[in-house]
Amino acid sequence: MRSEKNTDLIREYVNHVAGHGDTFGLKEQLAYPRVADAFHQSRGILGAVGEIGVFLGDYLFAIGLCARPNEAIVAVDLFEDQTANFDGSGRHDKGFDHFRDIHGKWIKSGAPLKFLKGDSLNVTQADMLSASDGHRYRLLSIDGGHTHYHTVNDMLLAESVLCHGGVVILDDYTNAGWPGVAEGVGRYFLQTPRRTLAPFFLHWNKLLMTTESMHAELLEHFDSMVPDSQRHLAKRSRLYGFDVLIAQGFGLD
């Protein structure tokens, strides 16, 4: 179970990041892993956590704060090899040392940080599972290359390593500056045979998906976390044949 100490650390981290400018609902977006983690705790779901495309690490470490001591935190990124970043998404000049420093400051659970350096188009299911010591993933953010090729690839990669009830958090789905992401999602749901991800939550550029078998339960869990004061901003809709919640107002309290 999540300790009060770690809950306080999560709150401190979210306030720290949001304090640099809470644009695009950043504080709410950082709360989504915590909401998903609460669901996993209630169901006894364990597994690795990670992100494809970590940029400066803000979202990776929000996810990492949810990791238990024996759950690996896996970071997939080009890191300092930005010559391979041909679409310019998430361009930065940070390397391994930067992320190790942040990991040591914020992640107090003892969860190991693992790196997979390179373009996710070249990362395989075996690579992801090797980095996680063979454990499937229960929280996985996708924020890598923003072409439709990368988006489809990363969604297929995510579904291949996701555990039952795991949550995939896809960034920039509604960002008009990166239309390849929405195109990639469309291609995945409309052109991929036997696809297994199911969308259940959409807000602030983030599209959350899970395994079809746990779709209804996660949808209800996220709906139950909407504060009464924000209930008028929540509604149900349909996306690629699935019910989705469109809402805001996921605070830390």
Protein backbone atom coordinates (compact mmCIF):
# COMPACT_ATOMS: atom_id res chain seq x y z
CA MET A 1 0.00 0.00 0.00
CA ARG A 2 1.10 3.57 -0.58
CA SER A 3 2.58 5.13 2.56
CA GLU A 4 1.62 8.60 3.78
CA LYS A 5 5.27 9.57 3.37
CA ASN A 6 5.27 8.66 -0.30
CA THR A 7 1.88 10.31 -0.84
CA ASP A 8 3.37 13.52 0.55
CA LEU A 9 6.34 13.14 -1.81
CA ILE A 10 4.03 12.73 -4.80
CA ARG A 11 2.17 15.88 -3.76
CA GLU A 12 5.46 17.76 -3.32
CA TYR A 13 6.70 16.66 -6.74
CA VAL A 14 3.50 17.62 -8.57
CA ASN A 15 3.45 21.03 -6.89
CA HIS A 16 7.15 21.47 -7.75
CA VAL A 17 6.63 20.76 -11.46
CA ALA A 18 3.37 22.68 -11.72
CA GLY A 19 5.00 25.60 -9.93
CA HIS A 20 7.06 26.29 -13.05
CA GLY A 21 3.84 27.14 -14.89
CA ASP A 22 0.64 25.09 -14.82
CA THR A 23 -0.07 25.29 -18.54
CA PHE A 24 -2.26 22.77 -20.36
CA GLY A 25 -3.56 21.37 -17.07
CA LEU A 26 -0.11 20.09 -16.11
CA LYS A 27 -1.04 19.49 -12.48
CA GLU A 28 -4.02 17.37 -13.51
CA GLN A 29 -1.98 15.46 -16.09
CA LEU A 30 0.58 14.61 -13.44
CA ALA A 31 -2.23 13.26 -11.24
CA TYR A 32 -3.38 10.64 -13.79
CA PRO A 33 -0.67 8.08 -12.85
CA ARG A 34 -1.65 8.45 -9.18
CA VAL A 35 -5.32 7.80 -10.02
CA ALA A 36 -4.36 4.71 -12.05
CA ASP A 37 -1.99 3.58 -9.28
CA ALA A 38 -4.81 3.75 -6.73
CA PHE A 39 -6.81 1.39 -8.95
CA HIS A 40 -3.86 -1.00 -9.18
CA GLN A 41 -3.43 -0.98 -5.42
CA SER A 42 -7.10 -1.80 -4.91
CA ARG A 43 -6.82 -4.78 -7.29
CA GLY A 44 -3.38 -5.99 -6.20
CA ILE A 45 -1.95 -5.35 -9.67
CA LEU A 46 1.85 -5.27 -9.80
CA GLY A 47 4.28 -4.64 -12.63
CA ALA A 48 6.94 -2.36 -14.06
CA VAL A 49 6.38 1.31 -14.89
CA GLY A 50 8.00 3.41 -17.58
CA GLU A 51 7.89 5.84 -20.46
CA ILE A 52 8.75 5.86 -24.14
CA GLY A 53 10.15 9.35 -24.81
CA VAL A 54 11.06 10.87 -21.45
CA PHE A 55 12.16 14.39 -22.61
CA LEU A 56 13.24 16.16 -19.38
CA GLY A 57 11.76 13.50 -17.11
CA ASP A 58 8.74 15.31 -15.62
CA TYR A 59 6.18 12.66 -16.50
CA LEU A 60 8.51 9.71 -16.08
CA PHE A 61 9.18 10.64 -12.49
CA ALA A 62 5.51 11.26 -11.75
CA ILE A 63 5.01 7.65 -12.86
CA GLY A 64 8.15 6.51 -11.06
CA LEU A 65 6.85 7.84 -7.74
CA CYS A 66 4.11 5.21 -8.03
CA ALA A 67 6.60 2.34 -8.30
CA ARG A 68 7.03 -0.19 -5.50
CA PRO A 69 10.60 -1.11 -4.40
CA ASN A 70 10.73 -4.20 -6.64
CA GLU A 71 9.11 -2.57 -9.70
CA ALA A 72 11.55 -1.33 -12.33
CA ILE A 73 11.25 2.18 -13.80
CA VAL A 74 12.14 1.95 -17.50
CA ALA A 75 13.15 5.01 -19.55
CA VAL A 76 13.20 4.72 -23.36
CA ASP A 77 14.68 7.73 -25.14
CA LEU A 78 17.29 8.94 -27.61
CA PHE A 79 18.82 10.90 -24.71
CA GLU A 80 21.87 12.83 -25.96
CA ASP A 81 21.74 11.21 -29.44
CA GLN A 82 19.46 13.92 -30.85
CA THR A 83 20.78 13.47 -34.39
CA ALA A 84 18.25 10.63 -34.67
CA ASN A 85 15.36 12.89 -33.62
CA PHE A 86 14.25 13.60 -37.18
CA ASP A 87 10.78 14.98 -36.36
CA GLY A 88 12.09 17.29 -33.61
CA SER A 89 9.67 16.09 -30.92
CA GLY A 90 10.99 16.23 -27.38
CA ARG A 91 14.35 17.67 -28.42
CA HIS A 92 16.71 18.13 -25.46
CA ASP A 93 20.37 17.96 -24.50
CA LYS A 94 20.10 15.82 -21.36
CA GLY A 95 21.86 12.48 -20.90
CA PHE A 96 21.85 9.62 -18.43
CA ASP A 97 23.38 11.63 -15.58
CA HIS A 98 20.51 14.13 -15.61
CA PHE A 99 17.93 11.40 -15.13
CA ARG A 100 19.95 9.57 -12.50
CA ASP A 101 20.21 12.81 -10.53
CA ILE A 102 16.44 13.40 -10.66
CA HIS A 103 15.78 9.75 -9.86
CA GLY A 104 17.91 9.98 -6.72
CA LYS A 105 16.16 13.17 -5.60
CA TRP A 106 12.55 12.10 -6.06
CA ILE A 107 12.30 8.31 -6.15
CA LYS A 108 12.74 7.12 -2.57
CA SER A 109 11.19 3.66 -2.89
CA GLY A 110 14.40 2.03 -4.10
CA ALA A 111 12.82 1.07 -7.43
CA PRO A 112 15.61 0.51 -9.98
CA LEU A 113 15.90 2.88 -12.95
CA LYS A 114 16.65 1.15 -16.27
CA PHE A 115 17.58 2.81 -19.58
CA LEU A 116 16.86 1.78 -23.16
CA LYS A 117 18.68 4.22 -25.40
CA GLY A 118 17.55 4.61 -29.00
CA ASP A 119 14.60 5.13 -31.32
CA SER A 120 11.57 3.18 -30.14
CA LEU A 121 11.15 1.87 -33.70
CA ASN A 122 14.14 -0.33 -32.88
CA VAL A 123 12.97 -1.37 -29.39
CA THR A 124 11.37 -4.81 -29.17
CA GLN A 125 9.05 -6.55 -26.75
CA ALA A 126 12.04 -8.59 -25.59
CA ASP A 127 14.01 -5.39 -24.90
CA MET A 128 11.19 -3.95 -22.80
CA LEU A 129 10.71 -7.14 -20.79
CA SER A 130 14.45 -7.57 -20.28
CA ALA A 131 14.67 -4.03 -18.88
CA SER A 132 11.80 -4.79 -16.49
CA ASP A 133 13.36 -8.08 -15.33
CA GLY A 134 10.63 -10.01 -17.09
CA HIS A 135 7.70 -8.19 -15.50
CA ARG A 136 4.88 -6.78 -17.59
CA TYR A 137 4.05 -3.08 -17.30
CA ARG A 138 1.17 -1.63 -15.32
CA LEU A 139 1.91 2.06 -16.08
CA LEU A 140 3.44 3.08 -19.40
CA SER A 141 3.52 6.58 -20.88
CA ILE A 142 3.99 7.10 -24.63
CA ASP A 143 5.57 10.43 -25.57
CA GLY A 144 8.24 9.47 -28.09
CA GLY A 145 8.40 10.22 -31.80
CA HIS A 146 5.27 12.06 -32.95
CA THR A 147 5.00 10.62 -36.46
CA HIS A 148 2.15 8.24 -37.17
CA TYR A 149 4.76 5.51 -37.68
CA HIS A 150 6.10 5.99 -34.15
CA THR A 151 2.64 6.25 -32.62
CA VAL A 152 1.40 2.99 -34.13
CA ASN A 153 4.68 1.27 -33.30
CA ASP A 154 4.67 2.48 -29.69
CA MET A 155 1.04 1.48 -29.14
CA LEU A 156 1.75 -2.00 -30.51
CA LEU A 157 4.86 -2.20 -28.33
CA ALA A 158 2.85 -1.08 -25.30
CA GLU A 159 0.09 -3.65 -25.82
CA SER A 160 2.69 -6.41 -26.18
CA VAL A 161 4.14 -5.74 -22.70
CA LEU A 162 1.08 -4.47 -20.79
CA CYS A 163 -0.24 -6.49 -17.87
CA HIS A 164 -3.92 -7.23 -17.27
CA GLY A 165 -5.41 -3.91 -16.17
CA GLY A 166 -2.29 -1.93 -17.05
CA VAL A 167 -2.69 1.68 -18.16
CA VAL A 168 -1.11 3.33 -21.21
CA ILE A 169 -0.96 7.14 -21.14
CA LEU A 170 -0.52 8.59 -24.64
CA ASP A 171 0.54 12.23 -24.90
CA ASP A 172 -0.41 14.89 -27.49
CA TYR A 173 -3.43 13.06 -28.90
CA THR A 174 -5.35 16.34 -29.26
CA ASN A 175 -2.33 18.58 -29.89
CA ALA A 176 -2.85 20.31 -33.25
CA GLY A 177 0.90 20.88 -33.49
CA TRP A 178 1.51 17.14 -33.80
CA PRO A 179 -1.23 15.69 -36.05
CA GLY A 180 0.78 12.51 -36.62
CA VAL A 181 -0.18 11.31 -33.13
CA ALA A 182 -3.93 11.43 -33.82
CA GLU A 183 -3.33 9.85 -37.22
CA GLY A 184 -1.34 7.08 -35.60
CA VAL A 185 -4.08 6.38 -33.06
CA GLY A 186 -6.61 6.19 -35.89
CA ARG A 187 -4.42 3.82 -37.85
CA TYR A 188 -3.95 1.62 -34.78
CA PHE A 189 -7.67 1.28 -34.04
CA LEU A 190 -8.91 1.09 -37.63
CA GLN A 191 -6.16 -0.83 -39.39
CA THR A 192 -4.51 -3.05 -36.78
CA PRO A 193 -5.84 -6.63 -36.68
CA ARG A 194 -6.61 -7.96 -33.20
CA ARG A 195 -5.58 -4.75 -31.42
CA THR A 196 -6.04 -5.07 -27.65
CA LEU A 197 -5.90 -1.53 -26.20
CA ALA A 198 -9.17 0.16 -25.21
CA PRO A 199 -9.45 3.94 -24.59
CA PHE A 200 -11.31 4.98 -21.44
CA PHE A 201 -10.22 8.54 -20.55
CA LEU A 202 -9.44 11.68 -22.54
CA HIS A 203 -8.38 15.12 -21.37
CA TRP A 204 -5.59 17.72 -21.70
CA ASN A 205 -3.82 16.04 -24.63
CA LYS A 206 -3.68 12.71 -22.80
CA LEU A 207 -5.48 9.59 -24.02
CA LEU A 208 -5.55 6.77 -21.46
CA MET A 209 -6.03 3.16 -22.55
CA THR A 210 -6.08 -0.24 -20.89
CA THR A 211 -6.73 -3.88 -21.70
CA GLU A 212 -10.25 -4.49 -22.98
CA SER A 213 -11.03 -6.82 -20.08
CA MET A 214 -10.53 -4.00 -17.51
CA HIS A 215 -11.92 -1.14 -19.56
CA ALA A 216 -15.24 -0.82 -17.74
CA GLU A 217 -13.65 -0.98 -14.27
CA LEU A 218 -11.03 1.68 -15.00
CA LEU A 219 -13.63 3.92 -16.61
CA GLU A 220 -15.74 3.76 -13.46
CA HIS A 221 -12.69 4.25 -11.22
CA PHE A 222 -11.65 7.45 -12.98
CA ASP A 223 -15.25 8.66 -12.98
CA SER A 224 -15.44 8.10 -9.23
CA MET A 225 -12.33 10.27 -8.71
CA VAL A 226 -13.88 13.38 -10.25
CA PRO A 227 -14.58 15.82 -7.38
CA ASP A 228 -18.18 16.92 -6.94
CA SER A 229 -17.10 20.50 -7.66
CA GLN A 230 -15.92 19.40 -11.13
CA ARG A 231 -18.76 17.01 -11.92
CA HIS A 232 -20.37 19.49 -14.32
CA LEU A 233 -17.20 19.31 -16.44
CA ALA A 234 -17.33 15.52 -16.85
CA LYS A 235 -19.16 13.68 -19.59
CA ARG A 236 -19.19 10.32 -21.37
CA SER A 237 -18.53 9.96 -25.07
CA ARG A 238 -17.52 7.26 -27.55
CA LEU A 239 -14.16 6.70 -29.22
CA TYR A 240 -13.40 3.84 -31.61
CA GLY A 241 -16.31 1.85 -30.22
CA PHE A 242 -15.48 2.36 -26.53
CA ASP A 243 -17.03 4.50 -23.81
CA VAL A 244 -14.61 7.22 -22.70
CA LEU A 245 -14.73 9.74 -19.89
CA ILE A 246 -13.89 13.34 -20.73
CA ALA A 247 -13.29 15.17 -17.47
CA GLN A 248 -11.03 17.42 -15.45
CA GLY A 249 -10.43 18.01 -11.78
CA PHE A 250 -8.17 15.23 -10.52
CA GLY A 251 -6.45 16.88 -7.58
CA LEU A 252 -4.13 15.33 -5.03
CA ASP A 253 -6.54 15.57 -2.09
